């Protein structure tokens, strides 16, 4: 028999890299960036440590690659969940469900983005900040469209829309962490999304209809 016929096929590079990134996300989420070892990542990926270094260069580069991959997946999940032709409240609801469904299905990826990357300074924090800004941009557009669809008599000030978008993204991030880190049964993505939707939609609906809260006696 020809020796070439018995030689195992070489795994495509993109498949091997995906396995390495999957392993790295799991180890970084469990151990943290500093305590994670390239030996453990290589073992979990079923690869040699020299091969991990050959493909992904260094521990810092590997962590950055994990952040980028998980961030792109999260943004794609949120954008893909929104039906651009749906009413404003439905678009916001779908975006929230897309966010919470993804973070619940990928708790290790969310732990890397929300917990690990933020605590280790540049360049990791900058990459997470870029992800957060993309989420804020999506929510900013949804809030603006909500006000317009609701017949808001005057456009909401840009600074107010920006503040609302940051507040909503911050609340979503906090809720995702709360849901994923619970010891007992975690609420479903629908329940978590409804919690935030009920909180946010009442305020947005009031703003769209010109009903603003003001402190008594102010």
Protein backbone atom coordinates (compact mmCIF):
# COMPACT_ATOMS: atom_id res chain seq x y z
CA UNK A 1 0.00 0.00 0.00
CA UNK A 2 1.21 3.48 -0.87
CA UNK A 3 2.45 5.24 2.28
CA UNK A 4 0.71 8.41 1.21
CA UNK A 5 -2.64 6.60 1.40
CA UNK A 6 -2.16 5.72 5.09
CA UNK A 7 -0.83 9.11 6.19
CA UNK A 8 -3.49 10.97 8.21
CA UNK A 9 -4.83 14.12 6.61
CA UNK A 10 -3.38 17.32 7.92
CA UNK A 11 -5.95 19.40 9.80
CA UNK A 12 -6.69 22.71 8.06
CA UNK A 13 -5.08 25.66 9.80
CA UNK A 14 -8.40 27.45 10.40
CA UNK A 15 -9.81 24.37 12.15
CA UNK A 16 -6.71 24.00 14.31
CA UNK A 17 -6.76 27.70 15.21
CA UNK A 18 -10.44 27.48 16.16
CA UNK A 19 -9.66 24.58 18.47
CA UNK A 20 -6.85 26.58 20.07
CA UNK A 21 -9.08 29.62 20.54
CA UNK A 22 -11.87 27.47 22.00
CA UNK A 23 -9.42 25.99 24.48
CA UNK A 24 -7.90 29.38 25.30
CA UNK A 25 -11.30 30.97 25.99
CA UNK A 26 -12.18 28.12 28.36
CA UNK A 27 -8.86 28.37 30.23
CA UNK A 28 -8.80 32.17 30.39
CA UNK A 29 -12.37 32.21 31.70
CA UNK A 30 -11.57 29.63 34.38
CA UNK A 31 -8.08 30.71 35.42
CA UNK A 32 -7.84 34.35 34.45
CA UNK A 33 -5.24 35.82 32.12
CA UNK A 34 -2.26 35.76 34.47
CA UNK A 35 -2.84 32.29 35.91
CA UNK A 36 -3.65 30.65 32.57
CA UNK A 37 -0.81 28.60 31.15
CA UNK A 38 0.02 27.91 27.55
CA UNK A 39 0.69 24.29 28.53
CA UNK A 40 -2.90 23.85 29.72
CA UNK A 41 -4.28 25.59 26.63
CA UNK A 42 -2.22 23.40 24.32
CA UNK A 43 -3.26 20.24 26.15
CA UNK A 44 -6.94 21.14 26.03
CA UNK A 45 -6.64 21.96 22.32
CA UNK A 46 -4.90 18.67 21.61
CA UNK A 47 -1.88 20.48 20.18
CA UNK A 48 1.73 20.96 21.12
CA UNK A 49 2.74 24.18 22.84
CA UNK A 50 5.22 25.03 20.04
CA UNK A 51 2.35 24.75 17.54
CA UNK A 52 0.21 27.13 19.61
CA UNK A 53 3.08 29.63 19.60
CA UNK A 54 3.62 29.10 15.87
CA UNK A 55 -0.01 29.87 15.06
CA UNK A 56 -0.81 32.52 17.66
CA UNK A 57 2.65 33.85 18.60
CA UNK A 58 2.34 34.72 22.31
CA UNK A 59 0.01 34.54 25.28
CA UNK A 60 -0.85 38.23 24.84
CA UNK A 61 -1.61 37.76 21.15
CA UNK A 62 -3.69 34.68 21.94
CA UNK A 63 -5.73 36.57 24.54
CA UNK A 64 -6.26 39.46 22.11
CA UNK A 65 -7.42 37.00 19.45
CA UNK A 66 -9.92 35.53 21.93
CA UNK A 67 -11.28 38.98 22.74
CA UNK A 68 -11.67 39.89 19.08
CA UNK A 69 -13.40 36.63 18.21
CA UNK A 70 -15.82 36.75 21.13
CA UNK A 71 -16.56 40.44 20.57
CA UNK A 72 -17.32 39.92 16.87
CA UNK A 73 -19.58 36.97 17.69
CA UNK A 74 -21.53 39.00 20.26
CA UNK A 75 -22.01 41.98 17.97
CA UNK A 76 -23.13 39.68 15.13
CA UNK A 77 -25.63 37.97 17.46
CA UNK A 78 -27.19 41.29 18.50
CA UNK A 79 -27.35 42.72 14.99
CA UNK A 80 -28.60 39.47 13.52
CA UNK A 81 -31.44 39.28 16.03
CA UNK A 82 -32.92 42.65 15.05
CA UNK A 83 -35.53 42.75 12.30
CA UNK A 84 -35.09 46.18 10.72
CA UNK A 85 -38.69 46.15 9.50
CA UNK A 86 -40.22 45.48 12.93
CA UNK A 87 -41.73 48.15 15.21
CA UNK A 88 -39.33 50.02 17.49
CA UNK A 89 -40.22 48.13 20.66
CA UNK A 90 -39.81 44.81 18.85
CA UNK A 91 -36.38 45.81 17.53
CA UNK A 92 -35.20 46.70 21.03
CA UNK A 93 -36.69 43.49 22.43
CA UNK A 94 -35.06 41.37 19.75
CA UNK A 95 -31.69 43.06 20.31
CA UNK A 96 -31.86 42.39 24.05
CA UNK A 97 -32.85 38.78 23.50
CA UNK A 98 -30.02 38.33 21.02
CA UNK A 99 -27.57 39.75 23.56
CA UNK A 100 -28.74 37.61 26.49
CA UNK A 101 -29.13 34.47 24.40
CA UNK A 102 -25.53 34.79 23.24
CA UNK A 103 -24.03 35.55 26.65
CA UNK A 104 -25.98 32.65 28.19
CA UNK A 105 -24.89 30.23 25.46
CA UNK A 106 -21.24 31.37 25.65
CA UNK A 107 -20.53 32.04 29.34
CA UNK A 108 -16.78 31.54 28.93
CA UNK A 109 -16.65 34.05 26.10
CA UNK A 110 -18.63 36.56 28.14
CA UNK A 111 -16.36 36.00 31.16
CA UNK A 112 -13.32 36.78 28.99
CA UNK A 113 -14.93 39.95 27.64
CA UNK A 114 -16.64 41.25 30.75
CA UNK A 115 -14.33 40.15 33.56
CA UNK A 116 -10.86 39.19 32.38
CA UNK A 117 -10.12 41.66 29.58
CA UNK A 118 -11.22 44.69 31.58
CA UNK A 119 -8.91 43.98 34.50
CA UNK A 120 -5.61 43.71 32.68
CA UNK A 121 -5.19 47.15 31.13
CA UNK A 122 -4.05 47.99 27.64
CA UNK A 123 -4.36 46.70 24.99
CA UNK A 124 -7.11 44.39 26.25
CA UNK A 125 -9.26 47.06 27.85
CA UNK A 126 -9.13 49.09 24.64
CA UNK A 127 -10.48 46.16 22.62
CA UNK A 128 -13.35 45.70 25.07
CA UNK A 129 -14.03 49.44 24.97
CA UNK A 130 -14.31 49.20 21.17
CA UNK A 131 -16.83 46.35 21.55
CA UNK A 132 -18.83 48.38 24.07
CA UNK A 133 -18.90 51.35 21.73
CA UNK A 134 -20.32 49.18 18.96
CA UNK A 135 -23.09 48.02 21.29
CA UNK A 136 -23.76 51.62 22.34
CA UNK A 137 -23.98 52.64 18.67
CA UNK A 138 -26.58 49.94 18.01
CA UNK A 139 -28.64 50.95 21.04
CA UNK A 140 -28.31 54.66 20.22
CA UNK A 141 -29.86 54.03 16.83
CA UNK A 142 -32.67 51.96 18.40
CA UNK A 143 -33.46 54.69 20.95
CA UNK A 144 -33.51 57.38 18.25
CA UNK A 145 -35.80 55.28 16.07
CA UNK A 146 -38.02 54.50 19.07
CA UNK A 147 -38.53 58.21 19.72
CA UNK A 148 -39.26 58.85 16.04
CA UNK A 149 -41.69 55.92 15.73
CA UNK A 150 -43.41 56.98 18.93
CA UNK A 151 -44.23 60.37 17.50
CA UNK A 152 -41.86 62.32 19.69
CA UNK A 153 -42.77 65.99 19.14
CA UNK A 154 -39.13 67.11 19.33
CA UNK A 155 -35.91 65.16 18.74
CA UNK A 156 -34.26 63.94 21.91
CA UNK A 157 -31.01 65.78 22.64
CA UNK A 158 -27.97 63.90 21.39
CA UNK A 159 -26.34 63.90 24.82
CA UNK A 160 -29.47 62.42 26.37
CA UNK A 161 -29.70 59.66 23.77
CA UNK A 162 -26.01 58.85 24.29
CA UNK A 163 -26.47 58.73 28.05
CA UNK A 164 -29.50 56.47 27.76
CA UNK A 165 -27.64 54.14 25.40
CA UNK A 166 -24.66 53.84 27.76
CA UNK A 167 -27.01 53.22 30.70
CA UNK A 168 -28.89 50.50 28.84
CA UNK A 169 -25.71 48.75 27.69
CA UNK A 170 -24.29 48.95 31.22
CA UNK A 171 -27.47 47.44 32.63
CA UNK A 172 -27.40 44.65 30.04
CA UNK A 173 -23.78 43.85 30.89
CA UNK A 174 -24.54 43.76 34.60
CA UNK A 175 -27.59 41.54 34.11
CA UNK A 176 -25.66 39.11 31.92
CA UNK A 177 -23.00 38.78 34.61
CA UNK A 178 -25.65 38.35 37.31
CA UNK A 179 -27.46 35.69 35.29
CA UNK A 180 -24.34 33.70 34.37
CA UNK A 181 -22.84 33.77 37.87
CA UNK A 182 -25.92 32.65 39.83
CA UNK A 183 -25.49 29.54 41.97
CA UNK A 184 -29.06 28.39 41.43
CA UNK A 185 -31.04 28.01 38.25
CA UNK A 186 -30.35 30.91 35.93
CA UNK A 187 -33.29 32.77 34.39
CA UNK A 188 -33.86 32.18 30.70
CA UNK A 189 -32.61 34.70 28.17
CA UNK A 190 -36.24 35.66 27.59
CA UNK A 191 -36.80 36.35 31.29
CA UNK A 192 -33.59 38.36 31.57
CA UNK A 193 -34.42 40.37 28.47
CA UNK A 194 -37.94 41.02 29.78
CA UNK A 195 -36.54 42.32 33.07
CA UNK A 196 -34.53 44.99 31.27
CA UNK A 197 -37.16 45.63 28.60
CA UNK A 198 -39.81 46.40 31.22
CA UNK A 199 -37.41 48.77 32.94
CA UNK A 200 -36.24 50.54 29.79
CA UNK A 201 -39.37 50.60 27.66
CA UNK A 202 -41.52 52.51 30.18
CA UNK A 203 -38.97 55.29 30.29
CA UNK A 204 -38.45 55.39 26.54
CA UNK A 205 -42.18 55.39 25.88
CA UNK A 206 -42.64 58.31 28.27
CA UNK A 207 -39.83 60.25 26.65
CA UNK A 208 -41.24 59.61 23.18
CA UNK A 209 -44.56 61.04 24.35
CA UNK A 210 -43.06 64.07 26.03
CA UNK A 211 -43.64 62.82 29.58
CA UNK A 212 -40.53 63.57 31.61
CA UNK A 213 -39.85 62.92 35.25
CA UNK A 214 -38.83 65.87 37.40
CA UNK A 215 -38.11 66.02 41.12
CA UNK A 216 -40.87 67.67 43.17
CA UNK A 217 -39.99 71.21 44.08
CA UNK A 218 -37.03 71.39 41.68
